[in-house]
Amino acid sequence: MDVECYLAEKMMRERMAEARANAEVARLLRASDERSGRYGVRGRLTETGRSLAKTARKVAFAISSVRNANR
């Protein structure tokens, strides 16, 4: 009897943990869908692209500076 109760409680705990995890994922997805403008997916991608372009310019400038210094 004790083993059966233990297994039943363990299964319930596992299901509850899974349900909580699913609810958290759903909450996060809703929160990300509610954002708009700068904080939406498009805005984040735009900011990432700008950051990458800025970094690329810095690297290109550093390379050209080193090449010019070695001449």
Protein backbone atom coordinates (compact mmCIF):
# COMPACT_ATOMS: atom_id res chain seq x y z
CA MET A 1 0.00 0.00 0.00
CA ASP A 2 2.78 2.42 0.91
CA VAL A 3 4.56 1.73 -2.37
CA GLU A 4 1.38 2.38 -4.34
CA CYS A 5 0.79 5.69 -2.53
CA TYR A 6 4.40 6.70 -3.06
CA LEU A 7 4.22 5.94 -6.78
CA ALA A 8 0.90 7.77 -7.13
CA GLU A 9 2.28 10.83 -5.31
CA LYS A 10 5.45 10.76 -7.40
CA MET A 11 3.43 10.61 -10.63
CA MET A 12 1.24 13.49 -9.47
CA ARG A 13 4.28 15.59 -8.55
CA GLU A 14 5.84 14.92 -11.95
CA ARG A 15 2.62 15.89 -13.75
CA MET A 16 2.26 19.02 -11.67
CA ALA A 17 5.88 20.01 -12.40
CA GLU A 18 5.28 19.44 -16.12
CA ALA A 19 2.08 21.50 -16.00
CA ARG A 20 3.93 24.33 -14.21
CA ALA A 21 6.70 24.24 -16.82
CA ASN A 22 4.15 24.35 -19.64
CA ALA A 23 2.35 27.25 -17.97
CA GLU A 24 5.62 29.16 -17.61
CA VAL A 25 6.44 28.64 -21.30
CA ALA A 26 2.96 29.82 -22.26
CA ARG A 27 3.32 32.88 -20.00
CA LEU A 28 6.65 33.77 -21.56
CA LEU A 29 5.26 33.36 -25.08
CA ARG A 30 2.28 35.59 -24.26
CA ALA A 31 4.58 38.20 -22.77
CA SER A 32 6.78 38.21 -25.88
CA ASP A 33 3.72 38.49 -28.15
CA GLU A 34 2.39 41.46 -26.18
CA ARG A 35 5.54 43.48 -26.70
CA SER A 36 5.53 45.80 -29.65
CA GLY A 37 7.72 48.27 -31.49
CA ARG A 38 11.33 48.37 -30.42
CA TYR A 39 10.97 45.36 -28.17
CA GLY A 40 9.23 43.13 -30.70
CA VAL A 41 11.00 40.49 -32.74
CA ARG A 42 11.58 42.89 -35.62
CA GLY A 43 12.99 45.52 -33.27
CA ARG A 44 15.32 43.06 -31.58
CA LEU A 45 16.57 41.80 -34.95
CA THR A 46 17.12 45.37 -36.11
CA GLU A 47 19.09 46.19 -32.97
CA THR A 48 21.15 43.01 -33.37
CA GLY A 49 21.89 43.90 -37.00
CA ARG A 50 22.96 47.41 -36.03
CA SER A 51 25.21 46.05 -33.32
CA LEU A 52 26.81 43.57 -35.73
CA ALA A 53 27.38 46.29 -38.35
CA LYS A 54 28.95 48.57 -35.74
CA THR A 55 31.27 45.78 -34.60
CA ALA A 56 32.21 44.96 -38.20
CA ARG A 57 33.11 48.62 -38.84
CA LYS A 58 35.29 48.67 -35.72
CA VAL A 59 37.09 45.49 -36.75
CA ALA A 60 37.61 46.76 -40.29
CA PHE A 61 38.99 50.05 -38.95
CA ALA A 62 41.35 48.20 -36.58
CA ILE A 63 42.63 46.00 -39.44
CA SER A 64 43.19 48.95 -41.74
CA SER A 65 44.97 50.83 -38.93
CA VAL A 66 47.34 47.92 -38.38
CA ARG A 67 48.00 47.60 -42.13
CA ASN A 68 48.71 51.32 -42.45
CA ALA A 69 51.02 51.27 -39.42
CA ASN A 70 53.08 48.43 -40.95
CA ARG A 71 53.78 50.31 -44.18
